[in-house]
N, C-alpha and C. Protein backbone atom coordinates (compact mmCIF):
# COMPACT_ATOMS: atom_id res chain seq x y z
N UNK A 1 15.35 17.54 9.10
CA UNK A 1 14.05 16.90 8.88
C UNK A 1 14.23 15.64 8.03
N UNK A 2 13.60 14.56 8.45
CA UNK A 2 13.78 13.31 7.69
C UNK A 2 12.87 13.33 6.46
N UNK A 3 13.38 12.72 5.37
CA UNK A 3 12.61 12.67 4.12
C UNK A 3 11.64 11.50 4.20
N UNK A 4 10.40 11.75 3.77
CA UNK A 4 9.37 10.70 3.79
C UNK A 4 9.79 9.57 2.84
N UNK A 5 9.79 8.33 3.32
CA UNK A 5 10.19 7.23 2.42
C UNK A 5 9.20 7.03 1.29
N UNK A 6 9.71 6.61 0.15
CA UNK A 6 8.85 6.29 -0.99
C UNK A 6 8.19 4.93 -0.72
N UNK A 7 6.94 4.81 -1.09
CA UNK A 7 6.24 3.53 -0.89
C UNK A 7 6.14 2.82 -2.24
N UNK A 8 6.66 1.59 -2.27
CA UNK A 8 6.70 0.80 -3.51
C UNK A 8 5.77 -0.41 -3.34
N UNK A 9 4.80 -0.54 -4.24
CA UNK A 9 3.92 -1.71 -4.22
C UNK A 9 4.37 -2.69 -5.30
N UNK A 10 4.31 -3.97 -4.98
CA UNK A 10 4.73 -5.01 -5.94
C UNK A 10 3.49 -5.76 -6.42
N UNK A 11 3.30 -5.84 -7.75
CA UNK A 11 2.20 -6.65 -8.29
C UNK A 11 2.75 -7.63 -9.33
N UNK A 12 1.88 -8.52 -9.77
CA UNK A 12 2.29 -9.53 -10.75
C UNK A 12 1.44 -10.77 -10.55
N UNK A 13 1.64 -11.75 -11.39
CA UNK A 13 0.86 -12.98 -11.29
C UNK A 13 1.32 -13.84 -10.12
N UNK A 14 0.57 -14.88 -9.83
CA UNK A 14 0.94 -15.84 -8.79
C UNK A 14 2.26 -16.51 -9.20
N UNK A 15 3.17 -16.67 -8.24
CA UNK A 15 4.48 -17.31 -8.47
C UNK A 15 5.33 -16.56 -9.50
N UNK A 16 5.15 -15.23 -9.56
CA UNK A 16 5.94 -14.46 -10.53
C UNK A 16 7.27 -14.01 -9.92
N UNK A 17 7.43 -14.19 -8.60
CA UNK A 17 8.68 -13.78 -7.95
C UNK A 17 8.56 -12.44 -7.25
N UNK A 18 7.33 -12.08 -6.85
CA UNK A 18 7.10 -10.79 -6.18
C UNK A 18 7.89 -10.69 -4.88
N UNK A 19 7.90 -11.79 -4.11
CA UNK A 19 8.63 -11.77 -2.83
C UNK A 19 10.13 -11.66 -3.05
N UNK A 20 10.63 -12.30 -4.11
CA UNK A 20 12.05 -12.21 -4.44
C UNK A 20 12.42 -10.77 -4.75
N UNK A 21 11.59 -10.11 -5.55
CA UNK A 21 11.83 -8.71 -5.90
C UNK A 21 11.76 -7.83 -4.65
N UNK A 22 10.77 -8.10 -3.79
CA UNK A 22 10.64 -7.32 -2.55
C UNK A 22 11.88 -7.50 -1.67
N UNK A 23 12.40 -8.74 -1.59
CA UNK A 23 13.60 -8.98 -0.78
C UNK A 23 14.83 -8.29 -1.37
N UNK A 24 14.88 -8.25 -2.71
CA UNK A 24 16.00 -7.55 -3.37
C UNK A 24 15.96 -6.06 -3.03
N UNK A 25 14.76 -5.49 -3.03
CA UNK A 25 14.62 -4.08 -2.66
C UNK A 25 14.99 -3.87 -1.19
N UNK A 26 14.62 -4.85 -0.36
CA UNK A 26 15.00 -4.76 1.06
C UNK A 26 16.51 -4.79 1.22
N UNK A 27 17.19 -5.57 0.36
CA UNK A 27 18.66 -5.65 0.46
C UNK A 27 19.30 -4.32 0.03
N UNK A 28 18.56 -3.50 -0.73
CA UNK A 28 19.06 -2.18 -1.12
C UNK A 28 18.83 -1.16 0.00
N UNK A 29 17.99 -1.54 0.98
CA UNK A 29 17.76 -0.64 2.11
C UNK A 29 16.30 -0.30 2.36
N UNK A 30 15.38 -0.94 1.64
CA UNK A 30 13.95 -0.68 1.88
C UNK A 30 13.45 -1.53 3.05
N UNK A 31 12.38 -1.08 3.67
CA UNK A 31 11.70 -1.88 4.70
C UNK A 31 10.63 -2.71 4.00
N UNK A 32 10.55 -3.99 4.33
CA UNK A 32 9.68 -4.92 3.61
C UNK A 32 8.46 -5.27 4.45
N UNK A 33 7.26 -5.00 3.90
CA UNK A 33 6.01 -5.39 4.57
C UNK A 33 5.36 -6.49 3.72
N UNK A 34 5.20 -7.65 4.32
CA UNK A 34 4.69 -8.83 3.62
C UNK A 34 3.26 -9.12 4.08
N UNK A 35 2.29 -8.82 3.20
CA UNK A 35 0.87 -9.00 3.56
C UNK A 35 0.53 -10.46 3.83
N UNK A 36 1.20 -11.37 3.10
CA UNK A 36 0.97 -12.80 3.26
C UNK A 36 1.32 -13.25 4.68
N UNK A 37 2.46 -12.75 5.13
CA UNK A 37 2.93 -13.09 6.48
C UNK A 37 1.95 -12.57 7.53
N UNK A 38 1.41 -11.36 7.29
CA UNK A 38 0.43 -10.79 8.23
C UNK A 38 -0.81 -11.69 8.27
N UNK A 39 -1.26 -12.16 7.10
CA UNK A 39 -2.43 -13.06 7.04
C UNK A 39 -2.18 -14.35 7.80
N UNK A 40 -0.98 -14.92 7.61
CA UNK A 40 -0.64 -16.18 8.28
C UNK A 40 -0.67 -16.02 9.80
N UNK A 41 -0.20 -14.86 10.27
CA UNK A 41 -0.22 -14.62 11.72
C UNK A 41 -1.64 -14.36 12.21
N UNK A 42 -2.43 -13.69 11.37
CA UNK A 42 -3.80 -13.32 11.77
C UNK A 42 -4.68 -14.53 12.04
N UNK A 43 -4.53 -15.58 11.20
CA UNK A 43 -5.43 -16.73 11.39
C UNK A 43 -5.10 -17.51 12.67
N UNK A 44 -4.01 -17.12 13.34
CA UNK A 44 -3.69 -17.73 14.64
C UNK A 44 -4.32 -16.93 15.79
N UNK A 45 -4.79 -15.73 15.48
CA UNK A 45 -5.40 -14.88 16.52
C UNK A 45 -6.82 -15.41 16.79
N UNK A 46 -7.10 -15.67 18.06
CA UNK A 46 -8.35 -16.35 18.41
C UNK A 46 -9.59 -15.67 17.84
N UNK A 47 -9.69 -14.36 18.00
CA UNK A 47 -10.88 -13.63 17.54
C UNK A 47 -11.10 -13.81 16.03
N UNK A 48 -10.00 -13.75 15.27
CA UNK A 48 -10.07 -13.89 13.81
C UNK A 48 -10.37 -15.35 13.44
N UNK A 49 -9.64 -16.26 14.10
CA UNK A 49 -9.83 -17.69 13.83
C UNK A 49 -11.29 -18.09 14.07
N UNK A 50 -11.86 -17.62 15.19
CA UNK A 50 -13.25 -17.96 15.51
C UNK A 50 -14.22 -17.50 14.43
N UNK A 51 -13.98 -16.30 13.89
CA UNK A 51 -14.85 -15.78 12.82
C UNK A 51 -14.76 -16.66 11.58
N UNK A 52 -13.53 -17.09 11.24
CA UNK A 52 -13.33 -17.92 10.05
C UNK A 52 -14.00 -19.28 10.23
N UNK A 53 -13.83 -19.87 11.42
CA UNK A 53 -14.42 -21.19 11.71
C UNK A 53 -15.95 -21.09 11.72
N UNK A 54 -16.45 -19.98 12.26
CA UNK A 54 -17.91 -19.78 12.30
C UNK A 54 -18.46 -19.74 10.86
N UNK A 55 -17.69 -19.15 9.96
CA UNK A 55 -18.16 -19.03 8.56
C UNK A 55 -17.97 -20.34 7.77
N UNK A 56 -16.83 -21.03 7.99
CA UNK A 56 -16.51 -22.17 7.11
C UNK A 56 -16.62 -23.53 7.79
N UNK A 57 -16.85 -23.55 9.10
CA UNK A 57 -17.07 -24.82 9.79
C UNK A 57 -15.78 -25.47 10.29
N UNK A 58 -15.96 -26.49 11.14
CA UNK A 58 -14.81 -27.16 11.79
C UNK A 58 -13.97 -28.00 10.85
N UNK A 59 -14.48 -28.27 9.63
CA UNK A 59 -13.72 -29.12 8.70
C UNK A 59 -12.41 -28.45 8.27
N UNK A 60 -12.29 -27.15 8.50
CA UNK A 60 -11.05 -26.46 8.09
C UNK A 60 -9.97 -26.56 9.17
N UNK A 61 -10.31 -27.19 10.30
CA UNK A 61 -9.33 -27.30 11.39
C UNK A 61 -8.52 -28.59 11.26
N UNK A 62 -7.24 -28.51 11.67
CA UNK A 62 -6.42 -29.72 11.68
C UNK A 62 -6.57 -30.45 13.02
N UNK A 63 -5.78 -31.48 13.23
CA UNK A 63 -5.90 -32.29 14.46
C UNK A 63 -5.56 -31.51 15.73
N UNK A 64 -4.86 -30.39 15.55
CA UNK A 64 -4.46 -29.59 16.72
C UNK A 64 -5.40 -28.41 16.94
N UNK A 65 -6.47 -28.35 16.14
CA UNK A 65 -7.44 -27.26 16.30
C UNK A 65 -7.01 -25.96 15.64
N UNK A 66 -5.97 -26.04 14.79
CA UNK A 66 -5.53 -24.84 14.06
C UNK A 66 -6.15 -24.87 12.66
N UNK A 67 -6.25 -23.69 12.05
CA UNK A 67 -6.80 -23.64 10.69
C UNK A 67 -5.80 -24.26 9.72
N UNK A 68 -6.28 -25.22 8.94
CA UNK A 68 -5.47 -25.85 7.90
C UNK A 68 -5.61 -24.98 6.65
N UNK A 69 -4.55 -24.25 6.31
CA UNK A 69 -4.64 -23.27 5.23
C UNK A 69 -4.96 -23.93 3.88
N UNK A 70 -4.44 -25.15 3.67
CA UNK A 70 -4.70 -25.85 2.41
C UNK A 70 -6.18 -26.19 2.27
N UNK A 71 -6.78 -26.65 3.38
CA UNK A 71 -8.21 -26.99 3.35
C UNK A 71 -9.06 -25.75 3.12
N UNK A 72 -8.68 -24.67 3.79
CA UNK A 72 -9.42 -23.41 3.64
C UNK A 72 -9.31 -22.91 2.19
N UNK A 73 -8.11 -22.99 1.63
CA UNK A 73 -7.89 -22.54 0.24
C UNK A 73 -8.74 -23.36 -0.73
N UNK A 74 -8.83 -24.66 -0.46
CA UNK A 74 -9.61 -25.54 -1.32
C UNK A 74 -11.07 -25.09 -1.40
N UNK A 75 -11.57 -24.63 -0.25
CA UNK A 75 -12.97 -24.17 -0.21
C UNK A 75 -13.12 -22.81 -0.92
N UNK A 76 -12.26 -21.85 -0.55
CA UNK A 76 -12.49 -20.49 -1.04
C UNK A 76 -12.16 -20.32 -2.52
N UNK A 77 -11.26 -21.15 -3.05
CA UNK A 77 -10.94 -20.99 -4.47
C UNK A 77 -11.85 -21.83 -5.38
N UNK A 78 -12.93 -22.36 -4.78
CA UNK A 78 -13.96 -23.03 -5.59
C UNK A 78 -15.13 -22.08 -5.82
N UNK A 79 -15.20 -21.04 -4.99
CA UNK A 79 -16.44 -20.26 -4.94
C UNK A 79 -16.13 -18.81 -4.57
N UNK A 80 -16.51 -17.90 -5.47
CA UNK A 80 -16.18 -16.49 -5.26
C UNK A 80 -16.81 -15.92 -3.99
N UNK A 81 -18.02 -16.37 -3.67
CA UNK A 81 -18.69 -15.87 -2.46
C UNK A 81 -17.88 -16.23 -1.22
N UNK A 82 -17.36 -17.46 -1.20
CA UNK A 82 -16.54 -17.89 -0.05
C UNK A 82 -15.27 -17.04 0.05
N UNK A 83 -14.65 -16.79 -1.10
CA UNK A 83 -13.43 -15.98 -1.09
C UNK A 83 -13.73 -14.56 -0.61
N UNK A 84 -14.84 -14.00 -1.09
CA UNK A 84 -15.24 -12.65 -0.65
C UNK A 84 -15.47 -12.62 0.86
N UNK A 85 -16.09 -13.69 1.38
CA UNK A 85 -16.37 -13.74 2.82
C UNK A 85 -15.06 -13.78 3.62
N UNK A 86 -14.10 -14.59 3.14
CA UNK A 86 -12.81 -14.67 3.84
C UNK A 86 -12.10 -13.31 3.78
N UNK A 87 -12.14 -12.69 2.59
CA UNK A 87 -11.49 -11.38 2.42
C UNK A 87 -12.12 -10.34 3.33
N UNK A 88 -13.45 -10.41 3.49
CA UNK A 88 -14.12 -9.40 4.33
C UNK A 88 -13.74 -9.56 5.80
N UNK A 89 -13.32 -10.79 6.19
CA UNK A 89 -12.84 -10.99 7.57
C UNK A 89 -11.40 -10.50 7.71
N UNK A 90 -10.54 -10.88 6.73
CA UNK A 90 -9.10 -10.61 6.87
C UNK A 90 -8.64 -9.24 6.38
N UNK A 91 -9.15 -8.83 5.22
CA UNK A 91 -8.58 -7.64 4.57
C UNK A 91 -8.61 -6.35 5.39
N UNK A 92 -9.75 -6.02 6.04
CA UNK A 92 -9.74 -4.75 6.80
C UNK A 92 -8.63 -4.73 7.86
N UNK A 93 -8.37 -5.89 8.50
CA UNK A 93 -7.34 -5.94 9.55
C UNK A 93 -5.95 -5.86 8.92
N UNK A 94 -5.77 -6.59 7.80
CA UNK A 94 -4.46 -6.57 7.11
C UNK A 94 -4.13 -5.15 6.66
N UNK A 95 -5.10 -4.49 6.04
CA UNK A 95 -4.87 -3.13 5.54
C UNK A 95 -4.55 -2.18 6.69
N UNK A 96 -5.30 -2.32 7.77
CA UNK A 96 -5.05 -1.48 8.96
C UNK A 96 -3.63 -1.71 9.50
N UNK A 97 -3.22 -2.98 9.55
CA UNK A 97 -1.87 -3.29 10.06
C UNK A 97 -0.79 -2.75 9.13
N UNK A 98 -1.03 -2.85 7.81
CA UNK A 98 -0.05 -2.32 6.85
C UNK A 98 0.07 -0.80 7.02
N UNK A 99 -1.08 -0.14 7.12
CA UNK A 99 -1.06 1.33 7.29
C UNK A 99 -0.31 1.74 8.56
N UNK A 100 -0.55 0.99 9.66
CA UNK A 100 0.12 1.38 10.91
C UNK A 100 1.62 1.08 10.85
N UNK A 101 2.01 -0.01 10.13
CA UNK A 101 3.43 -0.30 9.96
C UNK A 101 4.11 0.81 9.15
N UNK A 102 3.42 1.26 8.09
CA UNK A 102 3.96 2.34 7.25
C UNK A 102 4.16 3.60 8.11
N UNK A 103 3.14 3.93 8.90
CA UNK A 103 3.21 5.13 9.75
C UNK A 103 4.38 5.03 10.74
N UNK A 104 4.55 3.82 11.28
CA UNK A 104 5.63 3.58 12.26
C UNK A 104 7.01 3.76 11.60
N UNK A 105 7.17 3.22 10.39
CA UNK A 105 8.45 3.32 9.67
C UNK A 105 8.73 4.78 9.30
N UNK A 106 7.67 5.49 8.87
CA UNK A 106 7.82 6.90 8.51
C UNK A 106 8.26 7.72 9.73
N UNK A 107 7.70 7.37 10.87
CA UNK A 107 8.00 8.09 12.11
C UNK A 107 9.47 7.90 12.50
N UNK A 108 9.97 6.66 12.31
CA UNK A 108 11.38 6.39 12.64
C UNK A 108 12.30 7.16 11.71
N UNK A 109 11.83 7.34 10.46
CA UNK A 109 12.53 8.18 9.50
C UNK A 109 13.91 7.74 9.07
N UNK A 110 14.17 6.44 9.09
CA UNK A 110 15.53 6.00 8.73
C UNK A 110 15.58 5.26 7.39
N UNK A 111 14.44 5.13 6.72
CA UNK A 111 14.41 4.36 5.47
C UNK A 111 14.11 5.26 4.28
N UNK A 112 14.72 4.94 3.15
CA UNK A 112 14.42 5.68 1.92
C UNK A 112 13.16 5.14 1.24
N UNK A 113 12.83 3.88 1.53
CA UNK A 113 11.68 3.27 0.86
C UNK A 113 11.04 2.18 1.71
N UNK A 114 9.76 1.95 1.43
CA UNK A 114 8.99 0.88 2.06
C UNK A 114 8.40 0.05 0.92
N UNK A 115 8.56 -1.27 0.99
CA UNK A 115 8.01 -2.15 -0.04
C UNK A 115 6.82 -2.90 0.52
N UNK A 116 5.70 -2.87 -0.21
CA UNK A 116 4.52 -3.63 0.19
C UNK A 116 4.30 -4.75 -0.82
N UNK A 117 4.41 -5.99 -0.33
CA UNK A 117 4.14 -7.16 -1.17
C UNK A 117 2.78 -7.70 -0.74
N UNK A 118 1.74 -7.38 -1.54
CA UNK A 118 0.39 -7.84 -1.21
C UNK A 118 -0.26 -8.35 -2.49
N UNK A 119 -0.73 -9.60 -2.47
CA UNK A 119 -1.30 -10.21 -3.68
C UNK A 119 -2.43 -9.35 -4.26
N UNK A 120 -3.25 -8.77 -3.37
CA UNK A 120 -4.40 -8.01 -3.84
C UNK A 120 -4.16 -6.50 -3.69
N UNK A 121 -2.98 -6.07 -4.08
CA UNK A 121 -2.59 -4.66 -3.92
C UNK A 121 -3.60 -3.74 -4.63
N UNK A 122 -3.92 -4.06 -5.89
CA UNK A 122 -4.85 -3.22 -6.65
C UNK A 122 -6.27 -3.39 -6.12
N UNK A 123 -6.66 -4.65 -5.89
CA UNK A 123 -8.04 -4.92 -5.50
C UNK A 123 -8.40 -4.31 -4.15
N UNK A 124 -7.41 -4.17 -3.28
CA UNK A 124 -7.70 -3.67 -1.93
C UNK A 124 -7.46 -2.17 -1.80
N UNK A 125 -7.11 -1.50 -2.89
CA UNK A 125 -6.83 -0.06 -2.89
C UNK A 125 -5.56 0.33 -2.14
N UNK A 126 -4.77 -0.67 -1.72
CA UNK A 126 -3.48 -0.34 -1.09
C UNK A 126 -2.59 0.40 -2.08
N UNK A 127 -2.87 0.17 -3.37
CA UNK A 127 -2.06 0.82 -4.42
C UNK A 127 -2.13 2.34 -4.32
N UNK A 128 -3.23 2.85 -3.74
CA UNK A 128 -3.40 4.30 -3.62
C UNK A 128 -2.37 4.91 -2.68
N UNK A 129 -1.82 4.09 -1.78
CA UNK A 129 -0.80 4.58 -0.84
C UNK A 129 0.57 4.68 -1.51
N UNK A 130 0.72 4.00 -2.65
CA UNK A 130 2.07 3.80 -3.22
C UNK A 130 2.51 4.96 -4.12
N UNK A 131 3.82 5.25 -4.03
CA UNK A 131 4.43 6.22 -4.94
C UNK A 131 4.78 5.54 -6.26
N UNK A 132 5.13 4.26 -6.17
CA UNK A 132 5.48 3.48 -7.37
C UNK A 132 4.84 2.11 -7.28
N UNK A 133 4.36 1.63 -8.43
CA UNK A 133 3.90 0.24 -8.51
C UNK A 133 4.85 -0.47 -9.47
N UNK A 134 5.45 -1.56 -8.99
CA UNK A 134 6.32 -2.38 -9.84
C UNK A 134 5.55 -3.64 -10.22
N UNK A 135 5.48 -3.92 -11.52
CA UNK A 135 4.86 -5.16 -11.99
C UNK A 135 5.98 -6.15 -12.31
N UNK A 136 5.90 -7.33 -11.70
CA UNK A 136 6.91 -8.37 -11.96
C UNK A 136 6.39 -9.24 -13.10
N UNK A 137 7.04 -9.09 -14.25
CA UNK A 137 6.59 -9.77 -15.46
C UNK A 137 7.30 -11.12 -15.60
N UNK A 138 6.53 -12.20 -15.48
CA UNK A 138 7.09 -13.55 -15.57
C UNK A 138 6.17 -14.41 -16.42
N UNK A 139 6.72 -15.10 -17.39
CA UNK A 139 5.92 -15.93 -18.30
C UNK A 139 5.17 -17.03 -17.57
N UNK A 140 4.05 -17.45 -18.16
CA UNK A 140 3.19 -18.43 -17.50
C UNK A 140 3.90 -19.76 -17.25
N UNK A 141 4.74 -20.20 -18.20
CA UNK A 141 5.45 -21.47 -18.02
C UNK A 141 6.34 -21.43 -16.78
N UNK A 142 7.06 -20.31 -16.63
CA UNK A 142 7.92 -20.14 -15.44
C UNK A 142 7.08 -20.19 -14.17
N UNK A 143 5.95 -19.48 -14.20
CA UNK A 143 5.12 -19.40 -13.00
C UNK A 143 4.51 -20.75 -12.65
N UNK A 144 4.11 -21.49 -13.69
CA UNK A 144 3.52 -22.82 -13.43
C UNK A 144 4.55 -23.77 -12.84
N UNK A 145 5.78 -23.75 -13.38
CA UNK A 145 6.78 -24.68 -12.84
C UNK A 145 7.18 -24.27 -11.42
N UNK A 146 7.25 -22.94 -11.16
CA UNK A 146 7.56 -22.49 -9.79
C UNK A 146 6.47 -22.90 -8.81
N UNK A 147 5.20 -22.76 -9.23
CA UNK A 147 4.11 -23.09 -8.30
C UNK A 147 4.09 -24.59 -8.00
N UNK A 148 4.54 -25.40 -8.96
CA UNK A 148 4.61 -26.85 -8.71
C UNK A 148 5.75 -27.18 -7.74
N UNK A 149 6.90 -26.51 -7.95
CA UNK A 149 8.08 -26.80 -7.11
C UNK A 149 7.92 -26.22 -5.71
N UNK A 150 7.58 -24.91 -5.65
CA UNK A 150 7.57 -24.22 -4.34
C UNK A 150 6.28 -24.44 -3.56
N UNK A 151 5.16 -24.54 -4.26
CA UNK A 151 3.88 -24.64 -3.56
C UNK A 151 3.27 -26.03 -3.64
N UNK A 152 3.92 -26.92 -4.43
CA UNK A 152 3.43 -28.29 -4.63
C UNK A 152 2.00 -28.32 -5.18
N UNK A 153 1.71 -27.37 -6.09
CA UNK A 153 0.38 -27.31 -6.69
C UNK A 153 0.26 -28.27 -7.85
N UNK A 154 -0.96 -28.75 -8.04
CA UNK A 154 -1.26 -29.63 -9.17
C UNK A 154 -1.53 -28.77 -10.41
N UNK A 155 -1.58 -29.43 -11.57
CA UNK A 155 -1.96 -28.73 -12.81
C UNK A 155 -3.32 -28.05 -12.63
N UNK A 156 -3.43 -26.86 -13.15
CA UNK A 156 -4.73 -26.16 -13.13
C UNK A 156 -4.96 -25.29 -11.91
N UNK A 157 -4.16 -25.51 -10.83
CA UNK A 157 -4.38 -24.76 -9.58
C UNK A 157 -4.08 -23.27 -9.77
N UNK A 158 -3.00 -22.98 -10.48
CA UNK A 158 -2.61 -21.57 -10.69
C UNK A 158 -3.71 -20.82 -11.44
N UNK A 159 -4.20 -21.42 -12.52
CA UNK A 159 -5.26 -20.77 -13.30
C UNK A 159 -6.52 -20.58 -12.45
N UNK A 160 -6.84 -21.61 -11.66
CA UNK A 160 -8.04 -21.57 -10.83
C UNK A 160 -7.99 -20.37 -9.88
N UNK A 161 -6.81 -20.15 -9.27
CA UNK A 161 -6.68 -19.06 -8.31
C UNK A 161 -6.60 -17.69 -8.98
N UNK A 162 -5.96 -17.66 -10.15
CA UNK A 162 -5.82 -16.36 -10.82
C UNK A 162 -7.14 -15.83 -11.36
N UNK A 163 -8.10 -16.72 -11.55
CA UNK A 163 -9.43 -16.27 -12.00
C UNK A 163 -10.04 -15.27 -11.03
N UNK A 164 -9.63 -15.37 -9.75
CA UNK A 164 -10.21 -14.52 -8.72
C UNK A 164 -9.45 -13.19 -8.55
N UNK A 165 -8.41 -12.99 -9.35
CA UNK A 165 -7.63 -11.75 -9.24
C UNK A 165 -7.85 -10.88 -10.47
N UNK A 166 -7.44 -9.62 -10.34
CA UNK A 166 -7.50 -8.71 -11.49
C UNK A 166 -6.66 -9.27 -12.63
N UNK A 167 -7.12 -9.08 -13.87
CA UNK A 167 -6.40 -9.60 -15.04
C UNK A 167 -4.97 -9.05 -15.06
N UNK A 168 -4.02 -9.93 -15.40
CA UNK A 168 -2.60 -9.53 -15.40
C UNK A 168 -2.33 -8.33 -16.29
N UNK A 169 -2.99 -8.29 -17.43
CA UNK A 169 -2.77 -7.17 -18.36
C UNK A 169 -3.19 -5.85 -17.73
N UNK A 170 -4.27 -5.88 -16.94
CA UNK A 170 -4.74 -4.66 -16.26
C UNK A 170 -3.75 -4.24 -15.18
N UNK A 171 -3.22 -5.25 -14.46
CA UNK A 171 -2.21 -4.92 -13.43
C UNK A 171 -0.98 -4.28 -14.08
N UNK A 172 -0.60 -4.86 -15.20
CA UNK A 172 0.58 -4.37 -15.92
C UNK A 172 0.39 -2.92 -16.36
N UNK A 173 -0.80 -2.62 -16.88
CA UNK A 173 -1.10 -1.27 -17.36
C UNK A 173 -1.05 -0.24 -16.23
N UNK A 174 -1.44 -0.67 -15.03
CA UNK A 174 -1.49 0.25 -13.89
C UNK A 174 -0.10 0.49 -13.27
N UNK A 175 0.87 -0.33 -13.67
CA UNK A 175 2.21 -0.24 -13.05
C UNK A 175 3.00 0.96 -13.58
N UNK A 176 3.92 1.45 -12.74
CA UNK A 176 4.81 2.54 -13.14
C UNK A 176 6.12 1.99 -13.70
N UNK A 177 6.42 0.75 -13.33
CA UNK A 177 7.73 0.19 -13.69
C UNK A 177 7.57 -1.32 -13.84
N UNK A 178 8.20 -1.88 -14.86
CA UNK A 178 8.08 -3.33 -15.10
C UNK A 178 9.45 -3.99 -14.94
N UNK A 179 9.49 -5.03 -14.14
CA UNK A 179 10.71 -5.82 -13.97
C UNK A 179 10.52 -7.14 -14.71
N UNK A 180 11.44 -7.45 -15.59
CA UNK A 180 11.36 -8.72 -16.33
C UNK A 180 12.05 -9.80 -15.51
N UNK A 181 11.25 -10.75 -15.03
CA UNK A 181 11.80 -11.80 -14.17
C UNK A 181 11.79 -13.16 -14.88
N UNK A 182 12.10 -13.14 -16.18
CA UNK A 182 12.08 -14.40 -16.96
C UNK A 182 13.46 -15.03 -17.09
N UNK A 183 14.47 -14.35 -16.56
CA UNK A 183 15.83 -14.86 -16.77
C UNK A 183 16.48 -15.17 -15.42
N UNK A 184 17.73 -14.81 -15.23
CA UNK A 184 18.42 -15.18 -13.99
C UNK A 184 18.11 -14.19 -12.87
N UNK A 185 18.39 -14.62 -11.64
CA UNK A 185 18.22 -13.70 -10.50
C UNK A 185 19.14 -12.49 -10.64
N UNK A 186 20.34 -12.72 -11.18
CA UNK A 186 21.29 -11.62 -11.39
C UNK A 186 20.70 -10.57 -12.32
N UNK A 187 20.05 -11.05 -13.37
CA UNK A 187 19.43 -10.15 -14.34
C UNK A 187 18.33 -9.32 -13.67
N UNK A 188 17.53 -9.98 -12.84
CA UNK A 188 16.45 -9.29 -12.12
C UNK A 188 17.04 -8.26 -11.16
N UNK A 189 18.10 -8.66 -10.45
CA UNK A 189 18.71 -7.77 -9.46
C UNK A 189 19.30 -6.52 -10.13
N UNK A 190 19.85 -6.72 -11.33
CA UNK A 190 20.41 -5.58 -12.07
C UNK A 190 19.31 -4.54 -12.36
N UNK A 191 18.13 -5.03 -12.72
CA UNK A 191 17.00 -4.14 -12.99
C UNK A 191 16.53 -3.42 -11.72
N UNK A 192 16.56 -4.17 -10.60
CA UNK A 192 16.15 -3.59 -9.31
C UNK A 192 17.12 -2.46 -8.93
N UNK A 193 18.41 -2.70 -9.12
CA UNK A 193 19.42 -1.68 -8.80
C UNK A 193 19.21 -0.43 -9.65
N UNK A 194 18.89 -0.66 -10.92
CA UNK A 194 18.64 0.45 -11.85
C UNK A 194 17.44 1.27 -11.37
N UNK A 195 16.36 0.57 -10.99
CA UNK A 195 15.16 1.25 -10.48
C UNK A 195 15.52 2.06 -9.24
N UNK A 196 16.28 1.43 -8.34
CA UNK A 196 16.62 2.07 -7.06
C UNK A 196 17.45 3.35 -7.30
N UNK A 197 18.42 3.25 -8.19
CA UNK A 197 19.26 4.41 -8.46
C UNK A 197 18.47 5.53 -9.12
N UNK A 198 17.55 5.16 -10.00
CA UNK A 198 16.76 6.16 -10.72
C UNK A 198 15.74 6.88 -9.83
N UNK A 199 15.03 6.11 -9.00
CA UNK A 199 13.88 6.67 -8.32
C UNK A 199 14.01 6.84 -6.81
N UNK A 200 14.91 6.09 -6.20
CA UNK A 200 14.99 6.13 -4.73
C UNK A 200 16.26 6.80 -4.25
N UNK A 201 17.39 6.36 -4.79
CA UNK A 201 18.70 6.82 -4.33
C UNK A 201 18.85 8.33 -4.44
N UNK A 202 18.37 8.87 -5.56
CA UNK A 202 18.62 10.30 -5.83
C UNK A 202 17.80 11.22 -4.91
N UNK A 203 16.76 10.65 -4.24
CA UNK A 203 15.93 11.51 -3.39
C UNK A 203 16.53 11.72 -2.01
C-alpha cells in the first residue's frame, strides 16, 4: 500500500523566495504545484478571459487581444473591490485544479510530499489541506530589492500589494516551520534538507 504524501504549503511575504523554497523541496523529491502558474494559464482560457474582460473592460487587453497582466494588476491593486471581483472569478477554479492535482498525485502514489506555492494559501483555506505550513522569513529590505530586480517594481509597489494580504505576523504564527531566507541559497537549502529529514524522509 502506498503511503499518502504529506502536503506542504508555503507562505511568506511577496518576493520572500517562496518559489525558490518550493523548488528546493521539489529537488528533494516533492511534487510542486504552483498556483501562480495555474492563474497565468487560466487567463488564456476563453471562458475565464471573457469574464475578466466583462468585469474590467477592454482597456486590460494588449494589441493582440490578450489580457495584459500588468494593466490588470494596476487596476486591482488600487481597489479592494476590484481585487475581490478578480479573486471570485479565478480562485474557485484555481482551488479546484489544485485539489484535483493533489488527488492525481496521491493516486499515482510515488511521491513522499506535495508542495503548494500559493500567495493566498491562508486566505483561500488551501492551508486546511496541508500537513505542514512553512513560512519563508525574509527581511523587508531583501524583499524590496528582489521585487525591483525580478519584477521591475517601483518603490511602494510591494507595500501597496501586501496591504491586500493577511498580515505577515499572522501568517508566521499559523506556520508549523519557519525557514530563514535572509542569507545564502546554501543556507536556505540546508534548512530545507533538515526539514525534509525530520518530517518527510522518516515517514
